[in-house]
Structures are given as structure tokens and as C-alpha cells.
């Protein structure tokens, strides 16, 4: 069985440049037969951890896989 890794590039508008590197990104679906989308959950600031704001070409490390409802149903 092969394993694949997905790489996604996001183009974020300048007025949203407050996304912290503790944020997470997850794949969701709008319903059983609907489209899929990425959900961004903004992280928290922790000076002890060295939290910083994401910059151009930075990566979000906390990602979550999609649950495909069609596969669970049958």
C-alpha cells in the first residue's frame, strides 16, 4: 500500500497576517455528497514556546486528515 503526502499552498490576504504557528489546518466536508474544504483553526500565543506569526513560505505543522463519510457508510 502506497502512502501519499499532500502539500497545499495558501495565498492569504494581507489583512489576515496574524496567523500564529500554533494554528492547525484540517480537511472537512460539507456533507455526505458535498464538496471538501480546508478549515483553519487559529492557534494561541505562548511566549514560553516561542510562538510566532506565520510568514511567507512558513508551514503549518498541525494538520488533521479528512474523515471520508462515504467510506464509513459503506
C-alpha atoms as a PDB file:
ATOM      1  CA  UNK A   1       0.000   0.000   0.000  1.00  0.00           C
ATOM      2  CA  UNK A   2       1.367   3.380  -1.010  1.00  0.00           C
ATOM      3  CA  UNK A   3       1.317   6.387   1.289  1.00  0.00           C
ATOM      4  CA  UNK A   4       0.864   9.852  -0.167  1.00  0.00           C
ATOM      5  CA  UNK A   5       1.652  13.237   1.329  1.00  0.00           C
ATOM      6  CA  UNK A   6      -0.391  16.246   0.333  1.00  0.00           C
ATOM      7  CA  UNK A   7       1.176  19.678   0.071  1.00  0.00           C
ATOM      8  CA  UNK A   8      -1.106  22.710  -0.074  1.00  0.00           C
ATOM      9  CA  UNK A   9      -0.118  26.310  -0.721  1.00  0.00           C
ATOM     10  CA  UNK A  10      -2.410  29.049   0.583  1.00  0.00           C
ATOM     11  CA  UNK A  11      -2.456  32.614  -0.626  1.00  0.00           C
ATOM     12  CA  UNK A  12      -3.637  34.651   2.369  1.00  0.00           C
ATOM     13  CA  UNK A  13      -4.667  38.290   2.097  1.00  0.00           C
ATOM     14  CA  UNK A  14      -2.504  40.857   3.905  1.00  0.00           C
ATOM     15  CA  UNK A  15      -5.203  41.754   6.446  1.00  0.00           C
ATOM     16  CA  UNK A  16      -5.039  38.149   7.787  1.00  0.00           C
ATOM     17  CA  UNK A  17      -1.318  38.127   8.561  1.00  0.00           C
ATOM     18  CA  UNK A  18      -1.887  37.390  12.249  1.00  0.00           C
ATOM     19  CA  UNK A  19      -1.976  33.605  11.937  1.00  0.00           C
ATOM     20  CA  UNK A  20       0.228  32.000  14.578  1.00  0.00           C
ATOM     21  CA  UNK A  21       2.452  28.968  14.031  1.00  0.00           C
ATOM     22  CA  UNK A  22       0.397  27.084  16.647  1.00  0.00           C
ATOM     23  CA  UNK A  23      -2.595  27.134  14.264  1.00  0.00           C
ATOM     24  CA  UNK A  24      -3.955  23.937  12.697  1.00  0.00           C
ATOM     25  CA  UNK A  25      -5.381  23.023   9.317  1.00  0.00           C
ATOM     26  CA  UNK A  26      -7.949  20.263   8.736  1.00  0.00           C
ATOM     27  CA  UNK A  27      -9.805  18.858   5.776  1.00  0.00           C
ATOM     28  CA  UNK A  28     -13.606  18.807   6.173  1.00  0.00           C
ATOM     29  CA  UNK A  29     -16.603  18.041   4.014  1.00  0.00           C
ATOM     30  CA  UNK A  30     -19.824  19.997   3.888  1.00  0.00           C
ATOM     31  CA  UNK A  31     -21.939  16.834   3.806  1.00  0.00           C
ATOM     32  CA  UNK A  32     -22.036  13.255   2.626  1.00  0.00           C
ATOM     33  CA  UNK A  33     -22.052  14.126  -1.069  1.00  0.00           C
ATOM     34  CA  UNK A  34     -20.778  17.702  -0.877  1.00  0.00           C
ATOM     35  CA  UNK A  35     -17.535  19.476  -1.538  1.00  0.00           C
ATOM     36  CA  UNK A  36     -14.498  19.376   0.709  1.00  0.00           C
ATOM     37  CA  UNK A  37     -12.751  22.391   2.187  1.00  0.00           C
ATOM     38  CA  UNK A  38      -9.852  23.305   4.458  1.00  0.00           C
ATOM     39  CA  UNK A  39     -10.635  24.634   7.928  1.00  0.00           C
ATOM     40  CA  UNK A  40      -8.031  26.821   9.603  1.00  0.00           C
ATOM     41  CA  UNK A  41      -8.107  26.986  13.403  1.00  0.00           C
ATOM     42  CA  UNK A  42      -6.110  29.917  14.741  1.00  0.00           C
ATOM     43  CA  UNK A  43      -3.615  28.926  17.421  1.00  0.00           C
ATOM     44  CA  UNK A  44      -2.722  30.529  20.718  1.00  0.00           C
ATOM     45  CA  UNK A  45       0.152  32.786  21.711  1.00  0.00           C
ATOM     46  CA  UNK A  46       2.654  31.326  24.182  1.00  0.00           C
ATOM     47  CA  UNK A  47       5.850  33.311  24.713  1.00  0.00           C
ATOM     48  CA  UNK A  48       7.488  30.362  26.544  1.00  0.00           C
ATOM     49  CA  UNK A  49       7.053  28.204  23.428  1.00  0.00           C
ATOM     50  CA  UNK A  50       8.360  30.919  21.136  1.00  0.00           C
ATOM     51  CA  UNK A  51       5.090  31.354  19.277  1.00  0.00           C
ATOM     52  CA  UNK A  52       5.443  33.489  16.166  1.00  0.00           C
ATOM     53  CA  UNK A  53       3.276  34.798  13.358  1.00  0.00           C
ATOM     54  CA  UNK A  54       3.491  32.792  10.141  1.00  0.00           C
ATOM     55  CA  UNK A  55       5.342  34.496   7.312  1.00  0.00           C
ATOM     56  CA  UNK A  56       5.672  33.837   3.585  1.00  0.00           C
ATOM     57  CA  UNK A  57       6.684  30.192   2.906  1.00  0.00           C
ATOM     58  CA  UNK A  58       6.201  29.083   6.536  1.00  0.00           C
ATOM     59  CA  UNK A  59       4.385  25.810   7.162  1.00  0.00           C
ATOM     60  CA  UNK A  60       1.574  24.806   9.497  1.00  0.00           C
ATOM     61  CA  UNK A  61       2.777  21.707  11.324  1.00  0.00           C
ATOM     62  CA  UNK A  62      -0.508  20.682  12.989  1.00  0.00           C
ATOM     63  CA  UNK A  63      -2.649  19.130  10.266  1.00  0.00           C
ATOM     64  CA  UNK A  64      -5.585  16.754  10.500  1.00  0.00           C
ATOM     65  CA  UNK A  65      -6.695  14.164   7.976  1.00  0.00           C
ATOM     66  CA  UNK A  66     -10.157  14.081   6.467  1.00  0.00           C
ATOM     67  CA  UNK A  67     -12.753  11.550   7.510  1.00  0.00           C
ATOM     68  CA  UNK A  68     -14.449  10.368   4.339  1.00  0.00           C
ATOM     69  CA  UNK A  69     -18.076   9.774   5.308  1.00  0.00           C
ATOM     70  CA  UNK A  70     -18.817   7.782   2.159  1.00  0.00           C
ATOM     71  CA  UNK A  71     -16.235   5.173   3.194  1.00  0.00           C
ATOM     72  CA  UNK A  72     -17.694   4.893   6.697  1.00  0.00           C
ATOM     73  CA  UNK A  73     -21.249   4.406   5.421  1.00  0.00           C
ATOM     74  CA  UNK A  74     -20.480   1.629   3.056  1.00  0.00           C
END
